[in-house]
């Protein structure tokens, strides 16, 4: 797997896309992982560990704090309050 230690901007295409800090742009792959994400995650599993903003489109979408839209079989936002777990769509703006 490819790991970026600082801020990344652009497009990631691969089976496993991982950014350990901030990512702005689009990630397309089976698994998309970012500490902080702004943009698009399109894959089987999409995970924005701390913060996410934009669109997550996949089977399983998860984020800490999230502003935007999650579309998938199971969507999770766990921001320290009661976690939001919804099938099909989850939105916060």
N, C-alpha and C. Protein backbone atom coordinates (compact mmCIF):
# COMPACT_ATOMS: atom_id res chain seq x y z
N UNK A 1 0.83 -1.20 0.00
CA UNK A 1 0.00 0.00 0.00
C UNK A 1 0.87 1.26 0.00
N UNK A 2 0.33 2.28 -0.59
CA UNK A 2 1.02 3.56 -0.67
C UNK A 2 0.55 4.44 0.48
N UNK A 3 1.47 5.01 1.22
CA UNK A 3 1.15 5.84 2.37
C UNK A 3 1.73 7.24 2.17
N UNK A 4 0.92 8.26 2.38
CA UNK A 4 1.36 9.64 2.30
C UNK A 4 1.37 10.22 3.71
N UNK A 5 2.47 10.84 4.10
CA UNK A 5 2.59 11.33 5.46
C UNK A 5 2.13 12.76 5.64
N UNK A 6 1.93 13.49 4.57
CA UNK A 6 1.54 14.88 4.66
C UNK A 6 0.24 15.11 3.91
N UNK A 7 -0.02 16.32 3.50
CA UNK A 7 -1.25 16.65 2.79
C UNK A 7 -1.15 16.20 1.34
N UNK A 8 -2.21 15.54 0.85
CA UNK A 8 -2.26 15.08 -0.54
C UNK A 8 -3.43 15.73 -1.24
N UNK A 9 -3.22 16.07 -2.50
CA UNK A 9 -4.26 16.66 -3.32
C UNK A 9 -4.26 15.94 -4.66
N UNK A 10 -5.43 15.56 -5.15
CA UNK A 10 -5.49 14.94 -6.47
C UNK A 10 -6.42 13.76 -6.53
N UNK A 11 -6.00 12.74 -7.27
CA UNK A 11 -6.81 11.55 -7.50
C UNK A 11 -6.01 10.31 -7.12
N UNK A 12 -6.62 9.43 -6.34
CA UNK A 12 -6.03 8.15 -5.99
C UNK A 12 -6.83 7.06 -6.69
N UNK A 13 -6.15 6.19 -7.42
CA UNK A 13 -6.79 5.04 -8.06
C UNK A 13 -6.02 3.80 -7.62
N UNK A 14 -6.71 2.85 -7.02
CA UNK A 14 -6.01 1.64 -6.60
C UNK A 14 -6.92 0.70 -5.85
N UNK A 15 -6.36 -0.38 -5.41
CA UNK A 15 -7.11 -1.34 -4.60
C UNK A 15 -7.23 -0.81 -3.17
N UNK A 16 -6.11 -0.32 -2.62
CA UNK A 16 -6.06 0.20 -1.25
C UNK A 16 -5.45 1.59 -1.32
N UNK A 17 -6.26 2.63 -1.04
CA UNK A 17 -5.79 4.01 -1.03
C UNK A 17 -5.75 4.49 0.40
N UNK A 18 -4.57 4.97 0.83
CA UNK A 18 -4.41 5.39 2.22
C UNK A 18 -3.66 6.70 2.29
N UNK A 19 -4.21 7.63 3.08
CA UNK A 19 -3.54 8.89 3.38
C UNK A 19 -3.59 9.07 4.89
N UNK A 20 -2.41 9.18 5.49
CA UNK A 20 -2.34 9.28 6.95
C UNK A 20 -2.58 10.67 7.49
N UNK A 21 -2.76 11.66 6.64
CA UNK A 21 -3.02 13.00 7.13
C UNK A 21 -4.22 13.58 6.40
N UNK A 22 -4.05 14.60 5.58
CA UNK A 22 -5.17 15.24 4.90
C UNK A 22 -5.18 14.88 3.43
N UNK A 23 -6.37 14.59 2.91
CA UNK A 23 -6.52 14.32 1.48
C UNK A 23 -7.65 15.16 0.93
N UNK A 24 -7.38 15.84 -0.18
CA UNK A 24 -8.39 16.62 -0.89
C UNK A 24 -8.41 16.11 -2.33
N UNK A 25 -9.56 15.67 -2.78
CA UNK A 25 -9.69 15.17 -4.14
C UNK A 25 -10.59 13.96 -4.19
N UNK A 26 -10.22 12.98 -5.01
CA UNK A 26 -11.02 11.78 -5.18
C UNK A 26 -10.21 10.52 -4.96
N UNK A 27 -10.79 9.57 -4.26
CA UNK A 27 -10.19 8.25 -4.04
C UNK A 27 -11.14 7.21 -4.63
N UNK A 28 -10.63 6.40 -5.54
CA UNK A 28 -11.42 5.35 -6.17
C UNK A 28 -10.67 4.05 -6.00
N UNK A 29 -11.27 3.11 -5.25
CA UNK A 29 -10.62 1.82 -5.00
C UNK A 29 -11.51 0.92 -4.18
N UNK A 30 -11.04 -0.27 -3.87
CA UNK A 30 -11.83 -1.15 -3.00
C UNK A 30 -11.91 -0.59 -1.59
N UNK A 31 -10.76 -0.13 -1.06
CA UNK A 31 -10.71 0.45 0.29
C UNK A 31 -10.07 1.83 0.18
N UNK A 32 -10.76 2.84 0.72
CA UNK A 32 -10.26 4.21 0.75
C UNK A 32 -10.20 4.65 2.21
N UNK A 33 -9.00 5.06 2.66
CA UNK A 33 -8.76 5.40 4.06
C UNK A 33 -8.05 6.74 4.10
N UNK A 34 -8.56 7.65 4.90
CA UNK A 34 -7.90 8.94 5.10
C UNK A 34 -8.17 9.41 6.52
N UNK A 35 -7.17 10.01 7.14
CA UNK A 35 -7.40 10.61 8.46
C UNK A 35 -8.41 11.75 8.34
N UNK A 36 -8.19 12.65 7.39
CA UNK A 36 -9.08 13.78 7.12
C UNK A 36 -9.28 13.85 5.61
N UNK A 37 -10.53 13.86 5.15
CA UNK A 37 -10.83 13.78 3.74
C UNK A 37 -11.79 14.90 3.33
N UNK A 38 -11.50 15.53 2.20
CA UNK A 38 -12.40 16.48 1.57
C UNK A 38 -12.52 16.07 0.12
N UNK A 39 -13.72 15.76 -0.33
CA UNK A 39 -13.91 15.37 -1.72
C UNK A 39 -14.77 14.13 -1.86
N UNK A 40 -14.26 13.15 -2.62
CA UNK A 40 -15.02 11.95 -2.96
C UNK A 40 -14.25 10.70 -2.55
N UNK A 41 -14.94 9.78 -1.90
CA UNK A 41 -14.43 8.43 -1.70
C UNK A 41 -15.42 7.48 -2.37
N UNK A 42 -14.95 6.71 -3.34
CA UNK A 42 -15.78 5.79 -4.10
C UNK A 42 -15.14 4.42 -4.02
N UNK A 43 -15.79 3.49 -3.30
CA UNK A 43 -15.21 2.16 -3.15
C UNK A 43 -16.11 1.23 -2.36
N UNK A 44 -15.62 0.05 -2.09
CA UNK A 44 -16.34 -0.93 -1.29
C UNK A 44 -16.41 -0.45 0.17
N UNK A 45 -15.25 -0.05 0.72
CA UNK A 45 -15.17 0.49 2.08
C UNK A 45 -14.53 1.86 2.00
N UNK A 46 -15.19 2.86 2.58
CA UNK A 46 -14.68 4.23 2.63
C UNK A 46 -14.62 4.66 4.09
N UNK A 47 -13.46 5.18 4.51
CA UNK A 47 -13.29 5.51 5.92
C UNK A 47 -12.52 6.82 6.05
N UNK A 48 -13.15 7.82 6.65
CA UNK A 48 -12.50 9.07 7.02
C UNK A 48 -12.42 9.07 8.54
N UNK A 49 -11.25 8.80 9.08
CA UNK A 49 -11.08 8.51 10.50
C UNK A 49 -11.53 9.68 11.38
N UNK A 50 -10.99 10.86 11.16
CA UNK A 50 -11.32 11.99 12.02
C UNK A 50 -12.42 12.86 11.42
N UNK A 51 -12.16 13.41 10.22
CA UNK A 51 -13.15 14.29 9.60
C UNK A 51 -13.31 13.95 8.13
N UNK A 52 -14.50 14.19 7.64
CA UNK A 52 -14.78 14.01 6.23
C UNK A 52 -15.74 15.08 5.76
N UNK A 53 -15.58 15.45 4.49
CA UNK A 53 -16.47 16.43 3.90
C UNK A 53 -16.61 16.10 2.43
N UNK A 54 -17.84 15.96 1.96
CA UNK A 54 -18.07 15.65 0.56
C UNK A 54 -18.99 14.47 0.39
N UNK A 55 -18.57 13.50 -0.44
CA UNK A 55 -19.40 12.35 -0.78
C UNK A 55 -18.64 11.06 -0.55
N UNK A 56 -19.26 10.15 0.18
CA UNK A 56 -18.76 8.78 0.30
C UNK A 56 -19.80 7.88 -0.37
N UNK A 57 -19.36 7.11 -1.35
CA UNK A 57 -20.25 6.24 -2.09
C UNK A 57 -19.65 4.84 -2.11
N UNK A 58 -20.30 3.91 -1.39
CA UNK A 58 -19.76 2.56 -1.30
C UNK A 58 -20.69 1.64 -0.53
N UNK A 59 -20.24 0.43 -0.28
CA UNK A 59 -21.05 -0.51 0.49
C UNK A 59 -21.04 -0.12 1.97
N UNK A 60 -19.85 0.19 2.51
CA UNK A 60 -19.71 0.61 3.90
C UNK A 60 -18.97 1.94 3.94
N UNK A 61 -19.59 2.95 4.55
CA UNK A 61 -19.01 4.29 4.66
C UNK A 61 -18.94 4.66 6.14
N UNK A 62 -17.80 5.14 6.59
CA UNK A 62 -17.64 5.51 7.99
C UNK A 62 -16.81 6.78 8.09
N UNK A 63 -17.10 7.57 9.13
CA UNK A 63 -16.35 8.79 9.38
C UNK A 63 -16.51 9.19 10.84
N UNK A 64 -15.54 9.95 11.33
CA UNK A 64 -15.67 10.57 12.64
C UNK A 64 -16.70 11.69 12.49
N UNK A 65 -16.24 12.90 12.37
CA UNK A 65 -17.13 14.02 12.08
C UNK A 65 -17.28 14.09 10.57
N UNK A 66 -18.49 14.35 10.09
CA UNK A 66 -18.72 14.34 8.65
C UNK A 66 -19.72 15.39 8.25
N UNK A 67 -19.40 16.11 7.17
CA UNK A 67 -20.33 17.03 6.55
C UNK A 67 -20.45 16.64 5.09
N UNK A 68 -21.62 16.24 4.70
CA UNK A 68 -21.83 15.82 3.32
C UNK A 68 -22.80 14.67 3.24
N UNK A 69 -22.61 13.81 2.25
CA UNK A 69 -23.55 12.74 1.97
C UNK A 69 -22.82 11.41 1.91
N UNK A 70 -23.38 10.42 2.59
CA UNK A 70 -22.91 9.05 2.51
C UNK A 70 -24.01 8.22 1.85
N UNK A 71 -23.67 7.47 0.82
CA UNK A 71 -24.63 6.60 0.16
C UNK A 71 -24.03 5.20 0.12
N UNK A 72 -24.74 4.22 0.72
CA UNK A 72 -24.24 2.87 0.74
C UNK A 72 -25.15 1.94 1.51
N UNK A 73 -24.74 0.69 1.61
CA UNK A 73 -25.52 -0.30 2.35
C UNK A 73 -25.55 0.02 3.84
N UNK A 74 -24.41 0.47 4.39
CA UNK A 74 -24.33 0.85 5.80
C UNK A 74 -23.46 2.09 5.92
N UNK A 75 -23.98 3.11 6.62
CA UNK A 75 -23.30 4.39 6.76
C UNK A 75 -23.18 4.74 8.23
N UNK A 76 -22.00 5.19 8.65
CA UNK A 76 -21.75 5.48 10.06
C UNK A 76 -21.06 6.82 10.20
N UNK A 77 -21.58 7.65 11.09
CA UNK A 77 -20.90 8.86 11.54
C UNK A 77 -20.81 8.74 13.05
N UNK A 78 -19.60 8.74 13.58
CA UNK A 78 -19.37 8.58 15.01
C UNK A 78 -18.60 9.79 15.50
N UNK A 79 -19.32 10.84 15.87
CA UNK A 79 -18.68 12.10 16.24
C UNK A 79 -18.61 12.33 17.74
N UNK A 80 -18.70 11.28 18.53
CA UNK A 80 -18.60 11.43 19.97
C UNK A 80 -19.96 11.47 20.65
N UNK A 81 -20.98 11.88 19.93
CA UNK A 81 -22.33 11.82 20.45
C UNK A 81 -22.85 10.42 20.14
N UNK A 82 -24.12 10.24 20.11
CA UNK A 82 -24.66 8.95 19.68
C UNK A 82 -24.32 8.76 18.21
N UNK A 83 -23.74 7.63 17.84
CA UNK A 83 -23.37 7.43 16.43
C UNK A 83 -24.60 7.34 15.54
N UNK A 84 -24.47 7.87 14.34
CA UNK A 84 -25.52 7.78 13.34
C UNK A 84 -25.18 6.59 12.44
N UNK A 85 -26.02 5.57 12.47
CA UNK A 85 -25.84 4.39 11.63
C UNK A 85 -27.12 4.23 10.83
N UNK A 86 -27.02 4.43 9.53
CA UNK A 86 -28.20 4.36 8.69
C UNK A 86 -27.92 3.56 7.42
N UNK A 87 -28.89 2.80 6.98
CA UNK A 87 -28.75 2.13 5.68
C UNK A 87 -29.05 3.11 4.55
N UNK A 88 -28.45 2.89 3.42
CA UNK A 88 -28.72 3.54 2.16
C UNK A 88 -28.22 4.98 2.05
N UNK A 89 -28.59 5.88 2.98
CA UNK A 89 -28.13 7.26 2.86
C UNK A 89 -28.05 7.91 4.24
N UNK A 90 -27.06 8.75 4.38
CA UNK A 90 -26.84 9.50 5.62
C UNK A 90 -26.30 10.86 5.20
N UNK A 91 -26.89 11.93 5.70
CA UNK A 91 -26.45 13.26 5.30
C UNK A 91 -26.36 14.19 6.50
N UNK A 92 -25.37 15.02 6.44
CA UNK A 92 -25.20 16.06 7.46
C UNK A 92 -24.58 17.29 6.81
N UNK A 93 -25.23 18.42 6.99
CA UNK A 93 -24.71 19.66 6.40
C UNK A 93 -24.70 20.75 7.44
